[in-house]
Amino acid sequence: MSSSVNLNSCIFDGPTGTRYGFLLYDELEQTYCDLAESPIVKDLELLAYAKESQQDVVRCILQYVRRYKKSMIINRTTYEWDKIKDIIS
């Protein structure tokens, strides 16, 4: 895993309508979720939403962040471990 973990809120427009969710990635893995009912605009709420995902890639990336007490970039803002630890621990 890399040292840079990114989480971005996303809007997915498709033939069945607009959906909301996130894109989570680092240098080795990436995944997305488009199951939110409305936009998630607050960064730490987005992290809490992502934590609830059942996707293996999400679990793996967040486990890496927990294990190494890494910071995360959420919607282009860097959050140090002390700011996110209570949400993902």
Protein backbone atom coordinates (compact mmCIF):
# COMPACT_ATOMS: atom_id res chain seq x y z
CA MET A 1 0.00 0.00 0.00
CA SER A 2 1.04 3.55 -0.55
CA SER A 3 1.26 6.38 1.89
CA SER A 4 -1.44 8.52 0.24
CA VAL A 5 -5.06 7.48 0.80
CA ASN A 6 -7.74 9.59 -0.87
CA LEU A 7 -11.50 9.69 -0.33
CA ASN A 8 -13.72 11.85 -2.53
CA SER A 9 -17.45 12.37 -2.57
CA CYS A 10 -18.95 11.71 -6.00
CA ILE A 11 -22.07 12.22 -8.04
CA PHE A 12 -22.80 9.45 -10.53
CA ASP A 13 -25.07 10.40 -13.44
CA GLY A 14 -26.38 7.53 -15.50
CA PRO A 15 -29.32 6.32 -17.51
CA THR A 16 -31.21 5.37 -14.33
CA GLY A 17 -30.70 8.76 -12.71
CA THR A 18 -28.33 10.46 -10.32
CA ARG A 19 -26.68 8.52 -7.51
CA TYR A 20 -24.24 9.60 -4.82
CA GLY A 21 -21.32 8.02 -3.04
CA PHE A 22 -17.56 8.02 -2.86
CA LEU A 23 -14.33 7.11 -4.58
CA LEU A 24 -11.61 5.64 -2.31
CA TYR A 25 -8.14 4.99 -3.65
CA ASP A 26 -4.42 4.85 -3.08
CA GLU A 27 -1.59 4.09 -5.48
CA LEU A 28 -2.45 0.38 -5.63
CA GLU A 29 -6.20 0.01 -5.16
CA GLN A 30 -9.35 1.90 -5.99
CA THR A 31 -13.06 1.41 -5.52
CA TYR A 32 -16.27 3.35 -5.49
CA CYS A 33 -19.70 3.18 -3.92
CA ASP A 34 -22.80 4.73 -5.46
CA LEU A 35 -25.43 3.73 -2.91
CA ALA A 36 -25.95 6.95 -0.91
CA GLU A 37 -29.43 8.43 -1.14
CA SER A 38 -28.18 12.02 -1.11
CA PRO A 39 -24.87 13.86 -1.41
CA ILE A 40 -22.51 13.53 1.54
CA VAL A 41 -20.81 16.90 1.73
CA LYS A 42 -19.12 16.87 5.13
CA ASP A 43 -15.74 15.19 4.97
CA LEU A 44 -15.84 13.26 8.24
CA GLU A 45 -19.41 12.10 7.57
CA LEU A 46 -18.16 10.76 4.23
CA LEU A 47 -15.42 8.85 6.04
CA ALA A 48 -17.98 7.38 8.47
CA TYR A 49 -20.17 6.37 5.52
CA ALA A 50 -17.23 4.74 3.73
CA LYS A 51 -16.30 2.83 6.88
CA GLU A 52 -19.69 1.10 6.79
CA SER A 53 -19.01 -0.30 3.32
CA GLN A 54 -18.83 -4.06 2.97
CA GLN A 55 -16.39 -3.90 0.05
CA ASP A 56 -13.12 -5.74 0.59
CA VAL A 57 -11.06 -2.97 -0.99
CA VAL A 58 -12.56 -0.37 1.36
CA ARG A 59 -11.87 -2.57 4.37
CA CYS A 60 -8.30 -3.22 3.22
CA ILE A 61 -7.47 0.45 2.63
CA LEU A 62 -9.00 1.57 5.94
CA GLN A 63 -7.23 -1.26 7.76
CA TYR A 64 -3.96 0.07 6.36
CA VAL A 65 -4.81 3.57 7.62
CA ARG A 66 -5.61 2.18 11.09
CA ARG A 67 -2.60 -0.11 11.30
CA TYR A 68 -0.08 2.57 10.37
CA LYS A 69 -2.00 5.54 11.84
CA LYS A 70 -1.91 7.31 8.50
CA SER A 71 -3.46 10.58 7.50
CA MET A 72 -6.07 10.70 4.73
CA ILE A 73 -6.94 13.20 2.06
CA ILE A 74 -10.72 13.67 2.04
CA ASN A 75 -12.13 15.92 -0.65
CA ARG A 76 -8.70 17.53 -1.10
CA THR A 77 -8.25 18.28 2.63
CA THR A 78 -5.63 16.39 4.62
CA TYR A 79 -6.80 14.91 7.93
CA GLU A 80 -4.13 13.69 10.31
CA TRP A 81 -4.60 10.43 12.20
CA ASP A 82 -5.67 12.19 15.42
CA LYS A 83 -8.62 13.77 13.59
CA ILE A 84 -9.93 10.56 11.97
CA LYS A 85 -8.99 7.83 14.46
CA ASP A 86 -12.28 7.91 16.39
CA ILE A 87 -14.25 7.47 13.17
CA ILE A 88 -12.38 4.51 11.69
CA SER A 89 -11.13 2.72 14.78
